[in-house]
Amino acid sequence: MRLMIDTYKKYWSCIKPNKFYYIMIFTSKALAVIASILIPFTASGIVKYLTLGDYNETLKWIFYFFASVSAKVIFYHWNYKGGALDSNYCYTGLKRKVFDKLSTYDLEFSKHKDIDEVLQASSSDIWKIVGINDNLSDIIIGFIRIIVIVILTALTSPVVGIVVFLFSSLYVIFMMIFNQKVVKYLHKQRKYQDKIAGVFMEELSSLEEMKVYNLQEKYYNHFNTINKKFCHNYRLKRRYADIQSNFLQLILDLGEVSIYAVTLLLLFQNNYTVDKIVLVIGYFTMLNQELKYVLETCVKNVINCRVSVERIYSVLNYHPKSNKVLNTSTEDNIKGLLEFKHVYSSYTNKQVLKDITFKVKPNELTAIVGRSGSGKSTILNIILRLIKPDSGKVLVDKEDIYNYTDDVYKTNVSVVTQKSILFNMSIRDNLSLVDSNFKRQQEVCERLGIHEEILSLPKGYNTIIEENSSNVSTRLKQLLSIARSILTNSEILLFDEVTSSLDSTNTKSVVKVFKELSKDHTVIIITHKKEVMNKADHLIIIDKGRKVADGTVESLENNEYYLNLRDSSSVSNNNL
């Protein structure tokens, strides 16, 4: 009971109940139960008047029986409809809340949360738990129904009532005992199930290394260790579940035999009638069905859903430390002057940036360059407010970036990354995610020199981008991502290694686009390519987390860091 109460508290904190659907579910269920309780009563009335030879009364009770059965069907249909509406409401609401919440996560959430659990919570877990509101109505009204049945049987005979109460109580007690065992090992099973899913994800993301270093067999041993633990807990769960089903059925069977024995003894003593036997047996059969449904299905389902509820609750209650924004400035006339002042930043207790100070002016193409792991992308993530510096300040137009509201900042700072995604929809729809004005979309694409190329595609702007953008060139994919960024009307445009997968010719083409954009934007590109460095108006060189050089290409011609970077063929994308 404690686990169930805690589960519902967390569930309702994730998705607020819809009162109308709740009333619909409880009312329809209560009316259906009342109708079902009348069925054995009307059946006993038929038997009673049939044995007395009163056929007129018998026909009346047959009508009452038919009415009770019909009412039960109608009310249960209403209950199913209410349950479906509530499930749809909860599913849609939870999906939206999880989707919105994930977009607020910072880059350090993987240190606090298991990625596989987050994936489960955002997909299968939501589907598993959306019906537990319906289960609650079944549990509450089901127990009321059980109590009413015990009282009704006791009214026919106190002895019969005691027998019914005794066996139903034994059933409940043993069901709860075995439920605890089943849930215990189910939770462990789910834990290792998530780990197995993680193993397969790791395998898929590292196929190249697996083949090159022949790691399949060794990695399989890692998988097999986890899989054995999963199987062990699965076997224990099944063992208790099987004992639970078979042993508890024996209790109910013994209860039914005992009721037959007691009622027949009372009948022989002329203290009971045949219609009462029909009534009691009907009620005990109903009691059996209700106990099984409530305890073996509803209660067990709620307890089994506890893991999913806790995962979703955890996802929705994760609070990124780095996203504490003051949200005080609504000034939207941003010019694009960006400044770093004595910025320090660390990641997993490692100092990544040390006393970084520089200024990026509007209407210039600024390149931030450095070797792998130097801290370039950390600078980018700080600008995007994905990481908050340990100390120091980052200013846009002399205002701390954390003073701007989300709406203002996000509409003035935009980013295109090396792994920019085009969605599986038309080119026009991809661009419409930012700006639905088709004329402006065409104008931006013309400015980037891709308008004619798009028109040459089979359906022009209505061409569907296939999965992984396999039907468009890498260059067109990157330029479409840039077009989407420009359509945001952002004043500050950030480009993270967007030319890394392009050849020299296409890189030069994209650099021309950057130069054109810098005429009316603040353009910052993180790069390791000398073609981009040589065309930049302003270079900022980062080495081991420190700014080691800052100036124009001409002023850095003799700088050893610049010369090493320009001439090096080993500089690659960094991951910080």
Protein backbone atom coordinates (compact mmCIF):
# COMPACT_ATOMS: atom_id res chain seq x y z
CA MET A 1 0.00 0.00 0.00
CA ARG A 2 2.84 2.38 0.86
CA LEU A 3 4.50 1.69 -2.49
CA MET A 4 1.23 2.28 -4.33
CA ILE A 5 0.56 5.59 -2.56
CA ASP A 6 4.10 6.80 -3.30
CA THR A 7 3.76 5.69 -6.93
CA TYR A 8 0.56 7.68 -7.43
CA LYS A 9 1.99 10.76 -5.69
CA LYS A 10 4.92 10.79 -8.11
CA TYR A 11 2.68 10.01 -11.09
CA TRP A 12 0.29 12.86 -10.32
CA SER A 13 3.20 15.25 -9.80
CA CYS A 14 4.26 14.38 -13.35
CA ILE A 15 0.83 14.74 -14.95
CA LYS A 16 -2.02 16.56 -13.19
CA PRO A 17 -5.22 14.47 -13.21
CA ASN A 18 -8.07 15.52 -15.49
CA LYS A 19 -11.03 15.81 -13.10
CA PHE A 20 -13.69 15.21 -15.76
CA TYR A 21 -12.10 11.95 -16.91
CA TYR A 22 -11.64 10.85 -13.28
CA ILE A 23 -15.31 11.42 -12.48
CA MET A 24 -16.28 9.59 -15.66
CA ILE A 25 -14.07 6.59 -14.81
CA PHE A 26 -15.17 6.29 -11.16
CA THR A 27 -18.87 6.89 -11.80
CA SER A 28 -19.12 4.40 -14.66
CA LYS A 29 -17.13 1.81 -12.71
CA ALA A 30 -19.32 2.21 -9.60
CA LEU A 31 -22.54 1.87 -11.61
CA ALA A 32 -21.17 -1.18 -13.45
CA VAL A 33 -20.28 -2.82 -10.12
CA ILE A 34 -23.75 -2.14 -8.69
CA ALA A 35 -25.29 -3.74 -11.78
CA SER A 36 -22.98 -6.76 -11.50
CA ILE A 37 -23.84 -7.25 -7.81
CA LEU A 38 -27.52 -7.38 -8.77
CA ILE A 39 -26.93 -10.25 -11.22
CA PRO A 40 -26.54 -13.08 -8.62
CA PHE A 41 -29.40 -11.53 -6.61
CA THR A 42 -31.77 -11.59 -9.61
CA ALA A 43 -30.58 -15.11 -10.51
CA SER A 44 -31.47 -16.34 -7.01
CA GLY A 45 -34.90 -14.66 -7.36
CA ILE A 46 -35.51 -16.63 -10.56
CA VAL A 47 -34.61 -19.89 -8.77
CA LYS A 48 -36.72 -18.98 -5.74
CA TYR A 49 -39.98 -18.27 -7.61
CA LEU A 50 -39.38 -21.06 -10.10
CA THR A 51 -39.20 -23.60 -7.24
CA LEU A 52 -42.38 -22.06 -5.77
CA GLY A 53 -44.14 -22.41 -9.12
CA ASP A 54 -44.90 -18.68 -9.35
CA TYR A 55 -44.22 -18.17 -13.06
CA ASN A 56 -45.37 -14.53 -13.19
CA GLU A 57 -42.82 -13.55 -10.55
CA THR A 58 -40.26 -15.74 -12.32
CA LEU A 59 -40.76 -13.77 -15.54
CA LYS A 60 -40.32 -10.50 -13.61
CA TRP A 61 -37.03 -11.67 -12.14
CA ILE A 62 -35.88 -12.86 -15.56
CA PHE A 63 -36.50 -9.27 -16.77
CA TYR A 64 -34.60 -7.90 -13.77
CA PHE A 65 -31.74 -10.27 -14.57
CA PHE A 66 -31.63 -9.14 -18.21
CA ALA A 67 -31.76 -5.46 -17.16
CA SER A 68 -28.87 -5.97 -14.71
CA VAL A 69 -26.72 -7.68 -17.35
CA SER A 70 -27.51 -4.98 -19.93
CA ALA A 71 -26.75 -2.16 -17.47
CA LYS A 72 -23.44 -3.80 -16.59
CA VAL A 73 -22.42 -3.93 -20.26
CA ILE A 74 -23.44 -0.30 -20.88
CA PHE A 75 -21.63 1.08 -17.81
CA TYR A 76 -18.46 -0.91 -18.50
CA HIS A 77 -18.46 0.44 -22.06
CA TRP A 78 -18.68 3.95 -20.60
CA ASN A 79 -15.84 3.07 -18.23
CA TYR A 80 -13.64 1.83 -21.07
CA LYS A 81 -14.32 5.03 -23.01
CA GLY A 82 -13.36 7.15 -19.99
CA GLY A 83 -10.21 5.09 -19.49
CA ALA A 84 -9.23 5.55 -23.13
CA LEU A 85 -9.74 9.32 -22.94
CA ASP A 86 -7.71 9.56 -19.74
CA SER A 87 -4.90 7.38 -21.13
CA ASN A 88 -4.70 9.53 -24.26
CA TYR A 89 -4.64 12.70 -22.13
CA CYS A 90 -1.87 11.33 -19.89
CA TYR A 91 0.18 9.90 -22.80
CA THR A 92 0.07 13.14 -24.79
CA GLY A 93 0.74 15.29 -21.72
CA LEU A 94 3.67 13.22 -20.47
CA LYS A 95 5.25 13.04 -23.93
CA ARG A 96 5.09 16.84 -24.22
CA LYS A 97 6.43 17.42 -20.70
CA VAL A 98 9.35 15.01 -21.19
CA PHE A 99 10.10 16.49 -24.62
CA ASP A 100 10.11 20.03 -23.19
CA LYS A 101 12.16 18.97 -20.16
CA LEU A 102 14.90 17.26 -22.19
CA SER A 103 15.46 20.47 -24.12
CA THR A 104 16.44 22.17 -20.83
CA TYR A 105 19.12 19.61 -19.93
CA ASP A 106 22.68 20.84 -19.70
CA LEU A 107 25.78 19.09 -21.02
CA GLU A 108 26.53 17.56 -17.62
CA PHE A 109 23.27 15.66 -17.19
CA SER A 110 24.96 12.40 -18.24
CA LYS A 111 27.02 12.58 -15.04
CA HIS A 112 23.84 12.53 -12.99
CA LYS A 113 21.53 10.40 -15.12
CA ASP A 114 21.83 7.13 -17.04
CA ILE A 115 21.23 7.85 -20.74
CA ASP A 116 19.51 4.48 -21.26
CA GLU A 117 17.07 5.23 -18.45
CA VAL A 118 16.29 8.61 -20.00
CA LEU A 119 15.60 6.93 -23.35
CA GLN A 120 13.32 4.37 -21.69
CA ALA A 121 11.52 7.10 -19.76
CA SER A 122 10.88 9.13 -22.91
CA SER A 123 9.57 6.17 -24.91
CA SER A 124 8.28 2.84 -23.56
CA ASP A 125 7.85 3.90 -19.93
CA ILE A 126 5.21 6.51 -20.76
CA TRP A 127 3.14 3.98 -22.66
CA LYS A 128 3.36 1.50 -19.77
CA ILE A 129 1.97 3.83 -17.10
CA VAL A 130 -0.82 5.76 -18.81
CA GLY A 131 -3.50 3.29 -17.67
CA ILE A 132 -2.80 3.31 -13.94
CA ASN A 133 -5.49 5.93 -13.24
CA ASP A 134 -8.00 3.39 -14.51
CA ASN A 135 -6.34 0.80 -12.29
CA LEU A 136 -6.89 3.02 -9.27
CA SER A 137 -10.65 3.13 -9.84
CA ASP A 138 -10.64 -0.65 -10.25
CA ILE A 139 -8.70 -1.10 -6.99
CA ILE A 140 -10.81 1.27 -4.86
CA ILE A 141 -14.21 0.19 -6.18
CA GLY A 142 -13.04 -3.42 -6.36
CA PHE A 143 -12.25 -3.52 -2.64
CA ILE A 144 -15.58 -1.85 -1.86
CA ARG A 145 -17.26 -4.51 -3.98
CA ILE A 146 -15.42 -7.26 -2.08
CA ILE A 147 -16.53 -5.84 1.28
CA VAL A 148 -20.15 -5.56 0.08
CA ILE A 149 -20.11 -9.16 -1.15
CA VAL A 150 -18.77 -10.42 2.19
CA ILE A 151 -21.53 -8.50 4.01
CA LEU A 152 -24.24 -9.81 1.64
CA THR A 153 -23.11 -13.42 2.14
CA ALA A 154 -23.02 -12.88 5.90
CA LEU A 155 -26.66 -11.68 5.78
CA THR A 156 -27.70 -15.06 4.41
CA SER A 157 -25.85 -16.79 7.26
CA PRO A 158 -23.16 -15.60 9.70
CA VAL A 159 -21.32 -18.91 9.32
CA VAL A 160 -21.21 -18.55 5.53
CA GLY A 161 -20.02 -14.96 5.93
CA ILE A 162 -17.17 -16.07 8.20
CA VAL A 163 -16.05 -18.74 5.69
CA VAL A 164 -16.09 -16.22 2.81
CA PHE A 165 -14.22 -13.63 4.91
CA LEU A 166 -11.61 -16.18 6.06
CA PHE A 167 -10.64 -17.45 2.61
CA SER A 168 -10.73 -14.04 0.96
CA SER A 169 -8.47 -12.67 3.74
CA LEU A 170 -6.00 -15.55 3.28
CA TYR A 171 -5.95 -14.85 -0.45
CA VAL A 172 -5.19 -11.12 0.10
CA ILE A 173 -2.44 -11.79 2.68
CA PHE A 174 -0.57 -14.35 0.58
CA MET A 175 -1.03 -12.27 -2.58
CA MET A 176 0.66 -9.29 -0.91
CA ILE A 177 3.53 -11.48 0.35
CA PHE A 178 4.22 -12.92 -3.07
CA ASN A 179 3.69 -9.54 -4.76
CA GLN A 180 6.59 -8.11 -2.75
CA LYS A 181 8.85 -10.93 -3.95
CA VAL A 182 7.77 -10.58 -7.57
CA VAL A 183 8.23 -6.79 -7.56
CA LYS A 184 11.63 -7.06 -5.89
CA TYR A 185 13.04 -9.25 -8.65
CA LEU A 186 11.13 -7.43 -11.38
CA HIS A 187 12.90 -4.18 -10.43
CA LYS A 188 16.26 -5.94 -10.59
CA GLN A 189 15.30 -7.50 -13.91
CA ARG A 190 14.40 -4.09 -15.36
CA LYS A 191 17.69 -2.66 -14.08
CA TYR A 192 19.73 -5.21 -16.01
CA GLN A 193 17.37 -4.93 -18.99
CA ASP A 194 18.33 -1.25 -19.23
CA LYS A 195 22.01 -2.17 -19.00
CA ILE A 196 21.59 -4.68 -21.85
CA ALA A 197 19.97 -1.97 -23.99
CA GLY A 198 22.96 0.24 -23.20
CA VAL A 199 25.37 -2.49 -24.30
CA PHE A 200 23.66 -2.77 -27.68
CA MET A 201 23.74 1.02 -28.10
CA GLU A 202 27.46 1.05 -27.33
CA GLU A 203 28.02 -1.74 -29.84
CA LEU A 204 26.15 0.13 -32.57
CA SER A 205 28.04 3.36 -31.88
CA SER A 206 31.45 1.66 -32.00
CA LEU A 207 31.14 -0.84 -34.86
CA GLU A 208 34.33 0.40 -36.49
CA GLU A 209 36.44 -0.09 -33.36
CA MET A 210 34.83 -3.49 -32.80
CA LYS A 211 35.92 -4.71 -36.22
CA VAL A 212 39.34 -3.05 -36.29
CA TYR A 213 40.42 -4.34 -32.88
CA ASN A 214 38.41 -7.58 -33.04
CA LEU A 215 36.60 -6.81 -29.80
CA GLN A 216 33.40 -8.76 -30.49
CA GLU A 217 34.19 -11.77 -28.31
CA LYS A 218 35.58 -9.74 -25.39
CA TYR A 219 32.65 -7.35 -25.50
CA TYR A 220 30.27 -10.32 -25.67
CA ASN A 221 31.70 -11.51 -22.35
CA HIS A 222 30.78 -8.12 -20.88
CA PHE A 223 27.27 -8.47 -22.32
CA ASN A 224 26.96 -12.06 -21.11
CA THR A 225 27.83 -11.10 -17.52
CA ILE A 226 24.98 -8.60 -17.46
CA ASN A 227 22.64 -10.97 -19.29
CA LYS A 228 23.24 -13.74 -16.71
CA LYS A 229 22.22 -11.38 -13.91
CA PHE A 230 19.11 -10.45 -15.88
CA CYS A 231 18.21 -14.12 -16.39
CA HIS A 232 18.84 -14.94 -12.72
CA ASN A 233 16.42 -12.26 -11.54
CA TYR A 234 13.93 -13.17 -14.25
CA ARG A 235 13.91 -16.80 -13.07
CA LEU A 236 13.34 -15.74 -9.45
CA LYS A 237 10.51 -13.44 -10.50
CA ARG A 238 8.90 -16.24 -12.52
CA ARG A 239 9.31 -18.70 -9.65
CA TYR A 240 7.39 -16.53 -7.20
CA ALA A 241 4.84 -15.54 -9.85
CA ASP A 242 4.14 -19.23 -10.62
CA ILE A 243 3.88 -20.16 -6.93
CA GLN A 244 1.64 -17.16 -6.45
CA SER A 245 -0.78 -18.15 -9.20
CA ASN A 246 -1.01 -21.86 -8.35
CA PHE A 247 -1.01 -21.60 -4.55
CA LEU A 248 -3.55 -18.79 -4.43
CA GLN A 249 -5.87 -20.61 -6.80
CA LEU A 250 -5.78 -23.52 -4.35
CA ILE A 251 -6.96 -21.19 -1.55
CA LEU A 252 -9.92 -20.07 -3.66
CA ASP A 253 -10.78 -23.63 -4.64
CA LEU A 254 -10.73 -24.72 -1.00
CA GLY A 255 -12.92 -21.75 -0.16
CA GLU A 256 -15.50 -22.76 -2.75
CA VAL A 257 -15.53 -26.36 -1.48
CA SER A 258 -15.95 -25.13 2.09
CA ILE A 259 -18.90 -22.92 1.11
CA TYR A 260 -20.59 -25.85 -0.63
CA ALA A 261 -20.08 -27.99 2.47
CA VAL A 262 -21.42 -25.34 4.89
CA THR A 263 -24.44 -24.35 2.77
CA LEU A 264 -25.42 -27.97 2.13
CA LEU A 265 -25.16 -28.72 5.86
CA LEU A 266 -27.39 -25.73 6.60
CA LEU A 267 -29.79 -26.89 3.88
CA PHE A 268 -30.11 -30.36 5.43
CA GLN A 269 -30.77 -28.67 8.80
CA ASN A 270 -33.57 -26.63 7.14
CA ASN A 271 -31.69 -23.41 7.95
CA TYR A 272 -31.00 -22.55 4.30
CA THR A 273 -32.78 -22.60 0.93
CA VAL A 274 -31.67 -23.45 -2.61
CA ASP A 275 -32.02 -19.86 -3.84
CA LYS A 276 -29.64 -18.71 -1.08
CA ILE A 277 -27.09 -21.34 -2.20
CA VAL A 278 -27.35 -19.99 -5.75
CA LEU A 279 -26.91 -16.45 -4.38
CA VAL A 280 -23.86 -17.29 -2.23
CA ILE A 281 -22.13 -19.35 -4.92
CA GLY A 282 -22.75 -16.55 -7.43
CA TYR A 283 -21.30 -13.99 -5.04
CA PHE A 284 -18.28 -16.13 -4.17
CA THR A 285 -17.56 -16.70 -7.87
CA MET A 286 -17.77 -12.93 -8.35
CA LEU A 287 -15.54 -12.47 -5.30
CA ASN A 288 -12.93 -14.83 -6.81
CA GLN A 289 -12.93 -12.92 -10.07
CA GLU A 290 -12.69 -9.57 -8.29
CA LEU A 291 -9.84 -10.68 -6.02
CA LYS A 292 -7.86 -12.01 -8.97
CA TYR A 293 -8.49 -8.93 -11.08
CA VAL A 294 -7.77 -6.38 -8.36
CA LEU A 295 -4.72 -8.07 -6.83
CA GLU A 296 -3.21 -10.06 -9.69
CA THR A 297 -3.87 -7.48 -12.39
CA CYS A 298 -4.52 -3.97 -11.06
CA VAL A 299 -2.34 -3.87 -7.93
CA LYS A 300 0.45 -5.80 -9.63
CA ASN A 301 0.29 -3.51 -12.67
CA VAL A 302 0.58 -0.38 -10.49
CA ILE A 303 3.52 -1.86 -8.56
CA ASN A 304 5.17 -3.03 -11.79
CA CYS A 305 4.77 0.47 -13.19
CA ARG A 306 6.62 1.93 -10.21
CA VAL A 307 9.99 1.67 -11.99
CA SER A 308 8.63 3.51 -15.03
CA VAL A 309 6.96 6.18 -12.88
CA GLU A 310 10.18 6.77 -10.94
CA ARG A 311 12.18 7.10 -14.15
CA ILE A 312 9.77 9.64 -15.63
CA TYR A 313 9.63 11.47 -12.29
CA SER A 314 13.42 11.58 -12.24
CA VAL A 315 13.59 12.96 -15.78
CA LEU A 316 11.05 15.69 -15.05
CA ASN A 317 12.65 16.63 -11.73
CA TYR A 318 16.22 16.96 -12.97
CA HIS A 319 17.34 20.56 -12.45
CA PRO A 320 20.39 21.63 -14.48
CA LYS A 321 22.79 23.64 -12.37
CA SER A 322 24.22 25.52 -15.31
CA ASN A 323 20.96 26.94 -16.62
CA LYS A 324 20.17 29.40 -13.83
CA VAL A 325 19.22 32.43 -15.91
CA LEU A 326 18.32 35.74 -14.28
CA ASN A 327 15.93 36.66 -17.11
CA THR A 328 15.86 40.36 -16.31
CA SER A 329 16.70 41.99 -19.66
CA THR A 330 14.14 42.05 -22.46
CA GLU A 331 16.23 44.37 -24.65
CA ASP A 332 16.04 42.86 -28.14
CA ASN A 333 18.06 45.44 -30.09
CA ILE A 334 21.25 43.39 -29.89
CA LYS A 335 24.17 44.52 -32.07
CA GLY A 336 26.35 41.44 -31.51
CA LEU A 337 29.39 42.59 -29.52
CA LEU A 338 30.62 39.53 -27.58
CA GLU A 339 33.16 39.64 -24.73
CA PHE A 340 34.79 37.04 -22.49
CA LYS A 341 36.27 38.46 -19.27
CA HIS A 342 38.57 36.23 -17.20
CA VAL A 343 36.46 33.10 -17.78
CA TYR A 344 37.31 29.86 -16.00
CA SER A 345 35.48 26.60 -16.64
CA SER A 346 35.93 22.99 -15.52
CA TYR A 347 34.43 19.66 -16.51
CA THR A 348 34.44 16.58 -14.24
CA ASN A 349 36.97 18.26 -11.92
CA LYS A 350 39.30 19.04 -14.83
CA GLN A 351 40.13 22.67 -15.65
CA VAL A 352 39.15 23.25 -19.28
CA LEU A 353 39.35 27.05 -19.63
CA LYS A 354 41.77 29.27 -17.69
CA ASP A 355 41.43 33.03 -17.58
CA ILE A 356 39.99 33.43 -21.08
CA THR A 357 39.57 37.06 -22.17
CA PHE A 358 38.77 38.26 -25.70
CA LYS A 359 36.38 40.48 -27.66
CA VAL A 360 34.45 39.57 -30.83
CA LYS A 361 33.12 42.51 -32.85
CA PRO A 362 30.07 42.59 -35.15
CA ASN A 363 30.57 42.48 -38.93
CA GLU A 364 33.68 40.33 -38.69
CA LEU A 365 34.43 36.69 -39.38
CA THR A 366 36.08 35.43 -36.21
CA ALA A 367 37.73 32.00 -36.10
CA ILE A 368 38.44 30.26 -32.80
CA VAL A 369 41.17 27.73 -33.46
CA GLY A 370 43.25 25.26 -31.50
CA ARG A 371 44.25 21.64 -31.25
CA SER A 372 41.93 18.86 -30.16
CA GLY A 373 40.98 19.21 -26.50
CA SER A 374 42.13 22.82 -26.22
CA GLY A 375 38.70 24.06 -25.07
CA LYS A 376 37.26 25.58 -28.27
CA SER A 377 33.88 23.87 -28.05
CA THR A 378 33.63 24.68 -24.36
CA ILE A 379 33.78 28.35 -25.35
CA LEU A 380 30.99 27.73 -27.84
CA ASN A 381 28.85 25.96 -25.22
CA ILE A 382 29.37 28.81 -22.78
CA ILE A 383 28.19 31.29 -25.42
CA LEU A 384 25.12 29.09 -25.95
CA ARG A 385 24.50 29.04 -22.17
CA LEU A 386 24.79 25.26 -22.16
CA ILE A 387 27.63 25.53 -19.66
CA LYS A 388 27.91 28.19 -16.98
CA PRO A 389 31.48 29.36 -16.24
CA ASP A 390 32.95 28.67 -12.82
CA SER A 391 33.97 32.33 -12.69
CA GLY A 392 34.35 35.34 -14.96
CA LYS A 393 31.77 36.97 -17.20
CA VAL A 394 30.48 36.63 -20.75
CA LEU A 395 28.85 39.76 -22.14
CA VAL A 396 26.74 40.53 -25.18
CA ASP A 397 26.49 44.26 -25.86
CA LYS A 398 27.99 44.92 -22.39
CA GLU A 399 25.19 42.88 -20.73
CA ASP A 400 25.81 39.59 -18.91
CA ILE A 401 24.40 36.82 -21.13
CA TYR A 402 22.53 35.37 -18.14
CA ASN A 403 20.56 38.59 -17.77
CA TYR A 404 18.73 38.11 -21.06
CA THR A 405 15.43 36.25 -21.14
CA ASP A 406 15.38 32.90 -22.94
CA ASP A 407 13.25 34.28 -25.77
CA VAL A 408 15.57 37.24 -26.40
CA TYR A 409 18.79 35.26 -26.16
CA LYS A 410 17.69 32.29 -28.27
CA THR A 411 16.44 34.54 -31.05
CA ASN A 412 19.74 36.41 -31.19
CA VAL A 413 22.26 33.58 -30.86
CA SER A 414 22.12 30.65 -33.27
CA VAL A 415 24.42 27.69 -33.91
CA VAL A 416 25.17 25.26 -36.73
CA THR A 417 27.18 22.20 -35.78
CA GLN A 418 29.11 19.58 -37.69
CA LYS A 419 26.29 17.13 -36.98
CA SER A 420 23.41 19.46 -37.83
CA ILE A 421 20.27 17.46 -38.47
CA LEU A 422 17.83 17.89 -41.30
CA PHE A 423 14.56 16.20 -40.41
CA ASN A 424 12.76 13.59 -42.50
CA MET A 425 10.48 16.16 -44.14
CA SER A 426 10.62 18.48 -47.13
CA ILE A 427 13.29 21.17 -47.49
CA ARG A 428 10.56 23.78 -47.17
CA ASP A 429 9.19 22.18 -43.97
CA ASN A 430 12.70 21.99 -42.51
CA LEU A 431 13.12 25.72 -43.06
CA SER A 432 9.56 26.42 -41.87
CA LEU A 433 10.47 25.09 -38.45
CA VAL A 434 12.19 28.47 -38.06
CA ASP A 435 10.35 30.77 -40.49
CA SER A 436 7.31 29.72 -42.54
CA ASN A 437 7.61 32.68 -44.94
CA PHE A 438 8.43 30.89 -48.19
CA LYS A 439 9.54 34.06 -49.97
CA ARG A 440 12.09 34.75 -47.24
CA GLN A 441 13.26 31.13 -47.37
CA GLN A 442 13.99 31.56 -51.08
CA GLU A 443 15.77 34.86 -50.49
CA VAL A 444 18.07 33.30 -47.88
CA CYS A 445 18.81 30.31 -50.12
CA GLU A 446 19.59 32.68 -53.00
CA ARG A 447 21.99 34.55 -50.73
CA LEU A 448 23.72 31.26 -49.89
CA GLY A 449 23.85 30.25 -53.58
CA ILE A 450 21.72 27.10 -53.22
CA HIS A 451 18.36 28.28 -54.59
CA GLU A 452 19.00 26.98 -58.13
CA GLU A 453 20.44 23.72 -56.75
CA ILE A 454 17.27 23.14 -54.71
CA LEU A 455 15.07 23.86 -57.74
CA SER A 456 17.03 21.24 -59.71
CA LEU A 457 15.95 18.56 -57.23
CA PRO A 458 12.99 16.32 -58.25
CA LYS A 459 10.42 18.33 -56.29
CA GLY A 460 12.37 21.49 -55.59
CA TYR A 461 11.66 22.88 -52.14
CA ASN A 462 9.12 20.08 -51.62
CA THR A 463 11.82 17.41 -51.95
CA ILE A 464 11.68 15.15 -48.89
CA ILE A 465 14.99 14.87 -47.06
CA GLU A 466 15.58 11.16 -46.60
CA GLU A 467 16.83 9.61 -43.38
CA ASN A 468 20.42 10.70 -42.61
CA SER A 469 20.07 13.24 -45.49
CA SER A 470 21.26 10.58 -47.89
CA ASN A 471 19.63 12.18 -50.95
CA VAL A 472 21.42 15.56 -50.65
CA SER A 473 25.11 16.39 -50.77
CA THR A 474 27.07 17.13 -47.59
CA ARG A 475 27.61 20.70 -48.83
CA LEU A 476 23.89 21.26 -49.45
CA LYS A 477 23.05 19.76 -46.07
CA GLN A 478 25.42 22.17 -44.30
CA LEU A 479 24.18 25.18 -46.28
CA LEU A 480 20.55 24.27 -45.55
CA SER A 481 21.47 24.15 -41.86
CA ILE A 482 23.08 27.58 -42.24
CA ALA A 483 19.95 28.83 -44.03
CA ARG A 484 17.85 27.64 -41.11
CA SER A 485 20.17 29.49 -38.75
CA ILE A 486 19.90 32.75 -40.74
CA LEU A 487 16.10 32.49 -40.77
CA THR A 488 16.13 32.80 -36.99
CA ASN A 489 17.15 36.47 -37.46
CA SER A 490 19.98 35.89 -34.99
CA GLU A 491 22.62 38.58 -34.75
CA ILE A 492 25.32 36.18 -33.54
CA LEU A 493 25.91 33.11 -35.74
CA LEU A 494 28.07 30.27 -34.40
CA PHE A 495 29.51 27.54 -36.61
CA ASP A 496 31.14 24.51 -35.02
CA GLU A 497 33.45 22.64 -37.44
CA VAL A 498 30.82 22.83 -40.21
CA THR A 499 33.51 22.48 -42.92
CA SER A 500 35.27 19.48 -41.38
CA SER A 501 33.61 16.97 -43.73
CA LEU A 502 33.89 19.14 -46.85
CA ASP A 503 36.62 18.99 -49.45
CA SER A 504 38.80 22.01 -50.25
CA THR A 505 36.57 23.32 -53.06
CA ASN A 506 33.36 23.15 -51.04
CA THR A 507 35.13 24.59 -47.98
CA LYS A 508 36.14 27.66 -50.00
CA SER A 509 32.53 27.98 -51.20
CA VAL A 510 31.19 27.88 -47.64
CA VAL A 511 33.84 30.35 -46.43
CA LYS A 512 32.55 32.83 -49.03
CA VAL A 513 29.13 32.42 -47.43
CA PHE A 514 30.64 33.17 -44.00
CA LYS A 515 32.31 36.31 -45.36
CA GLU A 516 29.01 37.42 -46.87
CA LEU A 517 27.15 36.78 -43.59
CA SER A 518 29.73 38.70 -41.58
CA LYS A 519 28.67 41.90 -43.34
CA ASP A 520 25.55 42.10 -41.15
CA HIS A 521 26.18 39.51 -38.42
CA THR A 522 28.67 38.57 -35.74
CA VAL A 523 30.06 35.34 -37.20
CA ILE A 524 32.15 32.95 -35.09
CA ILE A 525 33.45 29.71 -36.50
CA ILE A 526 35.32 26.99 -34.67
CA THR A 527 37.64 25.34 -37.14
CA HIS A 528 40.88 23.47 -37.69
CA LYS A 529 41.10 24.16 -41.45
CA LYS A 530 43.69 26.58 -42.74
CA GLU A 531 41.36 27.63 -45.62
CA VAL A 532 39.03 29.10 -43.01
CA MET A 533 41.81 30.54 -40.82
CA ASN A 534 43.33 32.38 -43.76
CA LYS A 535 40.01 34.08 -44.65
CA ALA A 536 39.10 35.08 -41.09
CA ASP A 537 39.15 38.76 -40.08
CA HIS A 538 40.00 37.84 -36.52
CA LEU A 539 41.76 34.80 -35.06
CA ILE A 540 41.57 33.62 -31.45
CA ILE A 541 44.02 30.80 -30.72
CA ILE A 542 43.35 28.52 -27.75
CA ASP A 543 45.95 26.11 -26.37
CA LYS A 544 45.43 23.88 -23.33
CA GLY A 545 42.55 26.01 -22.10
CA ARG A 546 44.32 29.35 -22.43
CA LYS A 547 44.16 32.11 -25.03
CA VAL A 548 47.68 32.25 -26.46
CA ALA A 549 47.10 34.59 -29.40
CA ASP A 550 44.50 37.06 -30.62
CA GLY A 551 44.53 39.23 -33.75
CA THR A 552 44.33 39.38 -37.53
CA VAL A 553 45.93 36.79 -39.81
CA GLU A 554 48.54 39.36 -40.85
CA SER A 555 49.46 40.23 -37.26
CA LEU A 556 49.91 36.53 -36.41
CA GLU A 557 52.04 35.58 -39.45
CA ASN A 558 55.05 34.92 -37.23
CA ASN A 559 53.19 33.50 -34.24
CA GLU A 560 54.46 29.98 -33.49
CA TYR A 561 51.02 28.72 -32.40
CA TYR A 562 49.38 29.97 -35.58
CA LEU A 563 52.13 28.57 -37.78
CA ASN A 564 51.92 25.16 -36.10
CA LEU A 565 48.14 25.06 -36.50
CA ARG A 566 48.19 26.25 -40.11
CA ASP A 567 50.82 23.77 -41.18
CA SER A 568 49.61 20.84 -39.09
CA SER A 569 47.62 18.08 -40.74
CA SER A 570 46.80 16.36 -37.46
CA VAL A 571 44.47 18.97 -35.96
CA SER A 572 41.02 17.46 -35.50
CA ASN A 573 37.68 18.26 -33.96
CA ASN A 574 37.73 18.47 -30.20
CA ASN A 575 35.15 17.09 -27.87
CA LEU A 576 35.23 19.64 -25.08
